[in-house]
N, C-alpha and C. Protein backbone atom coordinates (compact mmCIF):
# COMPACT_ATOMS: atom_id res chain seq x y z
N UNK A 1 0.83 -1.19 0.00
CA UNK A 1 0.00 0.00 0.00
C UNK A 1 0.87 1.26 0.00
N UNK A 2 1.88 1.29 0.85
CA UNK A 2 2.76 2.45 0.93
C UNK A 2 3.52 2.64 -0.38
N UNK A 3 3.91 1.53 -1.02
CA UNK A 3 4.64 1.61 -2.29
C UNK A 3 3.74 2.20 -3.37
N UNK A 4 2.47 1.86 -3.33
CA UNK A 4 1.51 2.39 -4.30
C UNK A 4 1.36 3.90 -4.15
N UNK A 5 1.31 4.39 -2.92
CA UNK A 5 1.18 5.83 -2.67
C UNK A 5 2.42 6.57 -3.14
N UNK A 6 3.61 5.98 -2.91
CA UNK A 6 4.86 6.61 -3.35
C UNK A 6 4.90 6.66 -4.86
N UNK A 7 4.49 5.58 -5.52
CA UNK A 7 4.47 5.53 -6.97
C UNK A 7 3.49 6.57 -7.53
N UNK A 8 2.33 6.69 -6.89
CA UNK A 8 1.33 7.66 -7.33
C UNK A 8 1.85 9.09 -7.21
N UNK A 9 2.51 9.39 -6.10
CA UNK A 9 3.05 10.74 -5.90
C UNK A 9 4.13 11.05 -6.91
N UNK A 10 4.97 10.08 -7.22
CA UNK A 10 6.04 10.33 -8.18
C UNK A 10 5.47 10.56 -9.58
N UNK A 11 4.39 9.83 -9.92
CA UNK A 11 3.76 10.05 -11.22
C UNK A 11 3.12 11.43 -11.30
N UNK A 12 2.50 11.85 -10.23
CA UNK A 12 1.87 13.18 -10.21
C UNK A 12 2.93 14.27 -10.37
N UNK A 13 4.08 14.07 -9.71
CA UNK A 13 5.15 15.09 -9.81
C UNK A 13 5.69 15.17 -11.24
N UNK A 14 5.71 14.04 -11.94
CA UNK A 14 6.21 14.06 -13.31
C UNK A 14 5.17 14.63 -14.28
N UNK A 15 3.90 14.34 -14.05
CA UNK A 15 2.87 14.74 -15.01
C UNK A 15 2.50 16.21 -14.86
N UNK A 16 2.36 16.70 -13.64
CA UNK A 16 1.90 18.08 -13.45
C UNK A 16 2.80 19.13 -14.08
N UNK A 17 4.11 19.07 -13.95
CA UNK A 17 4.92 20.07 -14.64
C UNK A 17 4.76 20.01 -16.15
N UNK A 18 4.56 18.80 -16.69
CA UNK A 18 4.38 18.68 -18.13
C UNK A 18 3.06 19.32 -18.55
N UNK A 19 2.01 19.18 -17.76
CA UNK A 19 0.72 19.78 -18.08
C UNK A 19 0.84 21.30 -18.07
N UNK A 20 1.54 21.82 -17.08
CA UNK A 20 1.72 23.27 -17.00
C UNK A 20 2.52 23.79 -18.20
N UNK A 21 3.50 23.01 -18.65
CA UNK A 21 4.29 23.43 -19.79
C UNK A 21 3.47 23.39 -21.08
N UNK A 22 2.53 22.48 -21.15
CA UNK A 22 1.71 22.39 -22.36
C UNK A 22 0.77 23.59 -22.49
N UNK A 23 0.32 24.15 -21.37
CA UNK A 23 -0.61 25.26 -21.43
C UNK A 23 0.06 26.57 -21.83
N UNK A 24 1.36 26.68 -21.60
CA UNK A 24 2.09 27.90 -21.94
C UNK A 24 2.63 27.76 -23.34
N UNK A 25 2.34 28.72 -24.20
CA UNK A 25 2.78 28.65 -25.58
C UNK A 25 3.61 29.87 -25.90
N UNK A 26 4.71 29.64 -26.62
CA UNK A 26 5.56 30.76 -27.04
C UNK A 26 5.41 31.07 -28.52
N UNK A 27 4.61 30.29 -29.20
CA UNK A 27 4.41 30.54 -30.63
C UNK A 27 3.45 31.70 -30.82
N UNK A 28 3.46 32.26 -32.03
CA UNK A 28 2.60 33.40 -32.32
C UNK A 28 1.29 32.96 -32.96
N UNK A 29 1.01 31.68 -32.97
CA UNK A 29 -0.23 31.19 -33.56
C UNK A 29 -1.37 31.41 -32.57
N UNK A 30 -2.52 31.82 -33.05
CA UNK A 30 -3.66 32.06 -32.16
C UNK A 30 -4.30 30.75 -31.73
N UNK A 31 -4.14 29.67 -32.49
CA UNK A 31 -4.74 28.39 -32.13
C UNK A 31 -4.10 27.80 -30.88
N UNK A 32 -2.81 27.94 -30.74
CA UNK A 32 -2.13 27.37 -29.57
C UNK A 32 -2.53 28.08 -28.28
N UNK A 33 -2.68 29.38 -28.33
CA UNK A 33 -3.05 30.11 -27.11
C UNK A 33 -4.52 29.95 -26.78
N UNK A 34 -5.35 29.66 -27.78
CA UNK A 34 -6.77 29.49 -27.53
C UNK A 34 -7.04 28.27 -26.65
N UNK A 35 -6.19 27.27 -26.73
CA UNK A 35 -6.36 26.07 -25.90
C UNK A 35 -6.18 26.44 -24.44
N UNK A 36 -5.18 27.26 -24.14
CA UNK A 36 -4.95 27.66 -22.77
C UNK A 36 -6.11 28.51 -22.25
N UNK A 37 -6.61 29.40 -23.08
CA UNK A 37 -7.74 30.24 -22.67
C UNK A 37 -9.00 29.41 -22.47
N UNK A 38 -9.20 28.41 -23.31
CA UNK A 38 -10.39 27.57 -23.18
C UNK A 38 -10.38 26.82 -21.86
N UNK A 39 -9.21 26.35 -21.44
CA UNK A 39 -9.11 25.61 -20.18
C UNK A 39 -9.42 26.54 -19.01
N UNK A 40 -8.92 27.76 -19.08
CA UNK A 40 -9.18 28.71 -17.99
C UNK A 40 -10.65 29.11 -17.94
N UNK A 41 -11.26 29.36 -19.07
CA UNK A 41 -12.66 29.78 -19.06
C UNK A 41 -13.59 28.65 -18.67
N UNK A 42 -13.21 27.41 -19.00
CA UNK A 42 -14.04 26.28 -18.59
C UNK A 42 -14.09 26.15 -17.08
N UNK A 43 -12.96 26.36 -16.41
CA UNK A 43 -12.96 26.29 -14.95
C UNK A 43 -13.76 27.45 -14.36
N UNK A 44 -13.66 28.63 -15.00
CA UNK A 44 -14.44 29.76 -14.52
C UNK A 44 -15.93 29.54 -14.72
N UNK A 45 -16.29 28.99 -15.89
CA UNK A 45 -17.70 28.72 -16.15
C UNK A 45 -18.24 27.68 -15.17
N UNK A 46 -17.43 26.67 -14.86
CA UNK A 46 -17.88 25.65 -13.92
C UNK A 46 -18.07 26.24 -12.53
N UNK A 47 -17.20 27.20 -12.18
CA UNK A 47 -17.30 27.82 -10.85
C UNK A 47 -18.55 28.69 -10.74
N UNK A 48 -18.91 29.41 -11.82
CA UNK A 48 -20.03 30.34 -11.77
C UNK A 48 -21.30 29.75 -12.39
N UNK A 49 -21.34 28.48 -12.59
CA UNK A 49 -22.54 27.84 -13.13
C UNK A 49 -23.65 27.91 -12.08
N UNK A 50 -24.84 28.24 -12.51
CA UNK A 50 -26.01 28.36 -11.62
C UNK A 50 -25.85 29.46 -10.57
N UNK A 51 -25.08 30.48 -10.88
CA UNK A 51 -24.89 31.58 -9.93
C UNK A 51 -26.00 32.60 -10.14
N UNK A 52 -26.77 32.85 -9.09
CA UNK A 52 -27.81 33.87 -9.14
C UNK A 52 -27.17 35.18 -8.71
N UNK A 53 -27.08 36.12 -9.63
CA UNK A 53 -26.44 37.40 -9.37
C UNK A 53 -27.42 38.31 -8.64
N UNK A 54 -27.02 38.82 -7.46
CA UNK A 54 -27.89 39.66 -6.64
C UNK A 54 -27.68 41.15 -6.88
N UNK A 55 -26.70 41.51 -7.68
CA UNK A 55 -26.51 42.90 -8.06
C UNK A 55 -25.57 43.69 -7.18
N UNK A 56 -24.76 43.02 -6.38
CA UNK A 56 -23.85 43.74 -5.49
C UNK A 56 -22.39 43.62 -5.92
N UNK A 57 -21.95 42.46 -6.33
CA UNK A 57 -20.55 42.22 -6.69
C UNK A 57 -20.51 41.36 -7.94
N UNK A 58 -19.89 41.86 -9.00
CA UNK A 58 -19.88 41.12 -10.27
C UNK A 58 -18.73 40.14 -10.37
N UNK A 59 -17.70 40.30 -9.58
CA UNK A 59 -16.50 39.48 -9.77
C UNK A 59 -16.47 38.23 -8.90
N UNK A 60 -17.16 38.21 -7.78
CA UNK A 60 -17.06 37.08 -6.87
C UNK A 60 -18.44 36.65 -6.40
N UNK A 61 -18.67 35.35 -6.48
CA UNK A 61 -19.96 34.80 -6.06
C UNK A 61 -20.13 34.95 -4.55
N UNK A 62 -19.08 34.64 -3.79
CA UNK A 62 -19.16 34.73 -2.33
C UNK A 62 -19.32 36.16 -1.85
N UNK A 63 -18.60 37.09 -2.48
CA UNK A 63 -18.72 38.50 -2.09
C UNK A 63 -20.11 39.03 -2.40
N UNK A 64 -20.70 38.59 -3.52
CA UNK A 64 -22.04 39.01 -3.89
C UNK A 64 -23.06 38.51 -2.87
N UNK A 65 -22.95 37.25 -2.49
CA UNK A 65 -23.89 36.69 -1.51
C UNK A 65 -23.69 37.31 -0.13
N UNK A 66 -22.44 37.54 0.25
CA UNK A 66 -22.18 38.15 1.56
C UNK A 66 -22.75 39.56 1.62
N UNK A 67 -22.57 40.32 0.55
CA UNK A 67 -23.12 41.68 0.51
C UNK A 67 -24.64 41.65 0.56
N UNK A 68 -25.25 40.72 -0.16
CA UNK A 68 -26.71 40.61 -0.17
C UNK A 68 -27.23 40.26 1.22
N UNK A 69 -26.61 39.28 1.87
CA UNK A 69 -27.07 38.88 3.20
C UNK A 69 -26.85 40.00 4.22
N UNK A 70 -25.75 40.70 4.12
CA UNK A 70 -25.47 41.80 5.06
C UNK A 70 -26.49 42.93 4.90
N UNK A 71 -26.76 43.30 3.67
CA UNK A 71 -27.69 44.40 3.42
C UNK A 71 -29.11 44.01 3.81
N UNK A 72 -29.50 42.77 3.52
CA UNK A 72 -30.84 42.32 3.92
C UNK A 72 -30.98 42.27 5.44
N UNK A 73 -29.93 41.79 6.13
CA UNK A 73 -29.97 41.76 7.59
C UNK A 73 -30.12 43.17 8.14
N UNK A 74 -29.31 44.09 7.60
CA UNK A 74 -29.35 45.46 8.10
C UNK A 74 -30.69 46.12 7.82
N UNK A 75 -31.20 45.93 6.60
CA UNK A 75 -32.44 46.63 6.26
C UNK A 75 -33.66 46.03 6.95
N UNK A 76 -33.75 44.72 7.02
CA UNK A 76 -34.93 44.11 7.62
C UNK A 76 -34.83 44.13 9.14
N UNK A 77 -33.76 43.56 9.67
CA UNK A 77 -33.66 43.42 11.12
C UNK A 77 -33.46 44.76 11.82
N UNK A 78 -32.46 45.48 11.37
CA UNK A 78 -32.14 46.71 12.08
C UNK A 78 -33.15 47.82 11.80
N UNK A 79 -33.47 48.03 10.54
CA UNK A 79 -34.38 49.15 10.21
C UNK A 79 -35.82 48.86 10.61
N UNK A 80 -36.35 47.74 10.15
CA UNK A 80 -37.77 47.48 10.39
C UNK A 80 -38.05 47.03 11.82
N UNK A 81 -37.32 46.02 12.29
CA UNK A 81 -37.62 45.46 13.61
C UNK A 81 -37.18 46.40 14.73
N UNK A 82 -35.91 46.79 14.71
CA UNK A 82 -35.41 47.66 15.77
C UNK A 82 -36.03 49.05 15.65
N UNK A 83 -36.21 49.55 14.42
CA UNK A 83 -36.85 50.85 14.23
C UNK A 83 -38.29 50.84 14.71
N UNK A 84 -39.02 49.78 14.40
CA UNK A 84 -40.41 49.67 14.88
C UNK A 84 -40.49 49.58 16.39
N UNK A 85 -39.58 48.82 16.98
CA UNK A 85 -39.54 48.70 18.44
C UNK A 85 -39.24 50.06 19.07
N UNK A 86 -38.32 50.80 18.46
CA UNK A 86 -37.95 52.12 18.98
C UNK A 86 -39.14 53.08 18.89
N UNK A 87 -39.84 53.08 17.75
CA UNK A 87 -40.99 53.97 17.60
C UNK A 87 -42.14 53.59 18.52
N UNK A 88 -42.27 52.29 18.81
CA UNK A 88 -43.35 51.84 19.68
C UNK A 88 -43.18 52.39 21.10
N UNK A 89 -41.95 52.43 21.56
CA UNK A 89 -41.67 52.90 22.92
C UNK A 89 -41.02 54.28 22.92
N UNK A 90 -41.26 55.05 21.87
CA UNK A 90 -40.72 56.40 21.77
C UNK A 90 -41.37 57.29 22.82
N UNK A 91 -40.60 58.11 23.51
CA UNK A 91 -41.19 58.97 24.54
C UNK A 91 -42.19 59.97 23.96
N UNK A 92 -43.16 60.35 24.78
CA UNK A 92 -44.20 61.28 24.37
C UNK A 92 -43.72 62.70 24.66
N UNK A 93 -42.96 63.28 23.69
CA UNK A 93 -42.37 64.58 23.91
C UNK A 93 -43.40 65.70 23.94
N UNK A 94 -44.47 65.59 23.19
CA UNK A 94 -45.49 66.64 23.18
C UNK A 94 -46.51 66.47 24.30
N UNK A 95 -46.38 65.45 25.10
CA UNK A 95 -47.27 65.15 26.23
C UNK A 95 -48.72 65.00 25.79
N UNK A 96 -48.92 64.47 24.58
CA UNK A 96 -50.28 64.29 24.07
C UNK A 96 -51.04 63.26 24.91
N UNK A 97 -50.41 62.12 25.19
CA UNK A 97 -51.08 61.09 25.99
C UNK A 97 -51.38 61.59 27.40
N UNK A 98 -50.43 62.27 28.01
CA UNK A 98 -50.61 62.77 29.37
C UNK A 98 -51.76 63.78 29.42
N UNK A 99 -51.79 64.71 28.46
CA UNK A 99 -52.83 65.74 28.49
C UNK A 99 -54.21 65.15 28.24
N UNK A 100 -54.29 64.11 27.40
CA UNK A 100 -55.58 63.45 27.17
C UNK A 100 -56.06 62.75 28.45
N UNK A 101 -55.16 62.06 29.13
CA UNK A 101 -55.53 61.40 30.39
C UNK A 101 -56.00 62.42 31.43
N UNK A 102 -55.28 63.52 31.55
CA UNK A 102 -55.65 64.55 32.51
C UNK A 102 -57.00 65.17 32.16
N UNK A 103 -57.29 65.35 30.87
CA UNK A 103 -58.59 65.93 30.46
C UNK A 103 -59.72 64.98 30.82
N UNK A 104 -59.54 63.67 30.59
CA UNK A 104 -60.59 62.70 30.94
C UNK A 104 -60.80 62.64 32.46
N UNK A 105 -59.73 62.73 33.21
CA UNK A 105 -59.85 62.73 34.68
C UNK A 105 -60.61 63.97 35.15
N UNK A 106 -60.29 65.13 34.58
CA UNK A 106 -60.96 66.38 34.95
C UNK A 106 -62.43 66.36 34.55
N UNK A 107 -62.74 65.84 33.35
CA UNK A 107 -64.15 65.74 32.94
C UNK A 107 -64.94 64.83 33.88
N UNK A 108 -64.34 63.70 34.25
CA UNK A 108 -65.00 62.77 35.17
C UNK A 108 -65.24 63.42 36.53
N UNK A 109 -64.27 64.17 37.03
CA UNK A 109 -64.40 64.85 38.32
C UNK A 109 -65.51 65.90 38.27
N UNK A 110 -65.55 66.68 37.16
CA UNK A 110 -66.57 67.74 37.06
C UNK A 110 -67.97 67.15 36.90
N UNK A 111 -68.12 66.03 36.20
CA UNK A 111 -69.42 65.36 36.07
C UNK A 111 -69.89 64.84 37.42
N UNK A 112 -68.95 64.29 38.19
CA UNK A 112 -69.28 63.73 39.51
C UNK A 112 -69.77 64.83 40.46
N UNK A 113 -69.16 66.02 40.40
CA UNK A 113 -69.54 67.13 41.29
C UNK A 113 -70.73 67.92 40.75
N UNK A 114 -71.16 67.64 39.51
CA UNK A 114 -72.30 68.36 38.94
C UNK A 114 -71.94 69.72 38.39
N UNK A 115 -70.71 69.99 38.17
CA UNK A 115 -70.25 71.28 37.63
C UNK A 115 -70.36 71.25 36.11
N UNK A 116 -70.40 72.42 35.46
CA UNK A 116 -70.37 72.42 33.99
C UNK A 116 -69.01 71.87 33.50
N UNK A 117 -69.05 71.22 32.33
CA UNK A 117 -67.81 70.59 31.84
C UNK A 117 -66.71 71.61 31.59
N UNK A 118 -67.08 72.77 31.03
CA UNK A 118 -66.11 73.85 30.81
C UNK A 118 -66.63 75.06 31.56
N UNK A 119 -65.83 75.58 32.49
CA UNK A 119 -66.23 76.72 33.30
C UNK A 119 -66.13 78.00 32.47
N UNK A 120 -67.21 78.78 32.34
CA UNK A 120 -67.13 80.01 31.55
C UNK A 120 -66.21 81.05 32.19
N UNK A 121 -66.05 81.00 33.49
CA UNK A 121 -65.15 81.92 34.19
C UNK A 121 -63.90 81.19 34.64
N UNK A 122 -63.24 80.53 33.72
CA UNK A 122 -62.02 79.79 34.04
C UNK A 122 -60.96 80.75 34.57
N UNK A 123 -60.88 81.92 33.94
CA UNK A 123 -60.00 82.99 34.43
C UNK A 123 -60.92 84.09 34.97
N UNK A 124 -60.60 84.61 36.13
CA UNK A 124 -61.42 85.66 36.76
C UNK A 124 -61.48 86.88 35.83
N UNK A 125 -62.69 87.33 35.47
CA UNK A 125 -62.81 88.48 34.55
C UNK A 125 -62.18 89.74 35.11
N UNK A 126 -62.05 89.87 36.40
CA UNK A 126 -61.43 91.07 36.98
C UNK A 126 -59.94 91.13 36.66
N UNK A 127 -59.32 89.98 36.41
CA UNK A 127 -57.88 89.94 36.13
C UNK A 127 -57.57 90.22 34.65
N UNK A 128 -58.56 90.17 33.80
CA UNK A 128 -58.32 90.37 32.37
C UNK A 128 -58.35 91.87 32.06
N UNK A 129 -57.32 92.36 31.43
CA UNK A 129 -57.24 93.78 31.05
C UNK A 129 -57.45 93.86 29.54
N UNK A 130 -58.55 94.49 29.14
CA UNK A 130 -58.87 94.65 27.73
C UNK A 130 -58.58 96.08 27.30
N UNK A 131 -58.23 96.29 26.04
CA UNK A 131 -58.00 97.67 25.58
C UNK A 131 -59.33 98.42 25.44
N UNK A 132 -59.28 99.73 25.59
CA UNK A 132 -60.50 100.55 25.47
C UNK A 132 -60.85 100.72 24.00
N UNK A 133 -62.03 101.29 23.76
CA UNK A 133 -62.47 101.48 22.37
C UNK A 133 -61.58 102.48 21.63
N UNK A 134 -61.07 103.51 22.35
CA UNK A 134 -60.17 104.46 21.69
C UNK A 134 -58.87 103.80 21.28
N UNK A 135 -58.36 102.88 22.10
CA UNK A 135 -57.11 102.17 21.77
C UNK A 135 -57.30 101.25 20.58
N UNK A 136 -58.50 100.66 20.48
CA UNK A 136 -58.76 99.76 19.35
C UNK A 136 -58.89 100.52 18.05
N UNK A 137 -59.55 101.64 18.08
CA UNK A 137 -59.73 102.45 16.87
C UNK A 137 -60.56 101.70 15.83
N UNK A 138 -60.04 101.60 14.61
CA UNK A 138 -60.76 100.95 13.52
C UNK A 138 -60.34 99.48 13.34
N UNK A 139 -59.74 98.90 14.32
CA UNK A 139 -59.29 97.50 14.24
C UNK A 139 -60.49 96.58 14.14
N UNK A 140 -60.47 95.68 13.18
CA UNK A 140 -61.57 94.74 13.00
C UNK A 140 -61.50 93.67 14.08
N UNK A 141 -62.61 93.42 14.72
CA UNK A 141 -62.68 92.41 15.79
C UNK A 141 -63.48 91.24 15.27
N UNK A 142 -62.86 90.10 15.22
CA UNK A 142 -63.50 88.88 14.73
C UNK A 142 -63.80 88.00 15.93
N UNK A 143 -65.08 87.63 16.07
CA UNK A 143 -65.49 86.80 17.21
C UNK A 143 -65.81 85.41 16.70
């Protein structure tokens, strides 16, 4: 068994340099160089056979897939999921929710006490200073 492996290795060492020498041509004929190009393109075609191009990298199949997976992860997971989670628990800077709760509590309290829902004298009329008719002049007053 060991002798067979040694024989196989020695044959490979003899054959491989000869194959490499056959692919390199120094002649100026286009037919000789076309054989070398055909061998190279066949290996490239076999490597890129059934490759679905995602539009990110034209030279490498792995780089194209890596870019596609990275961008999809970032756009779906980070933008949609994390962004949605952030917006869901976003603080109420305008205090809209708080003011609505306070208004409902105040309406409930005023109904319970029998008071009008909106007090016409919310601000004491004695504290309000209005301009006189001479100060207003011809100013249009819209009510």
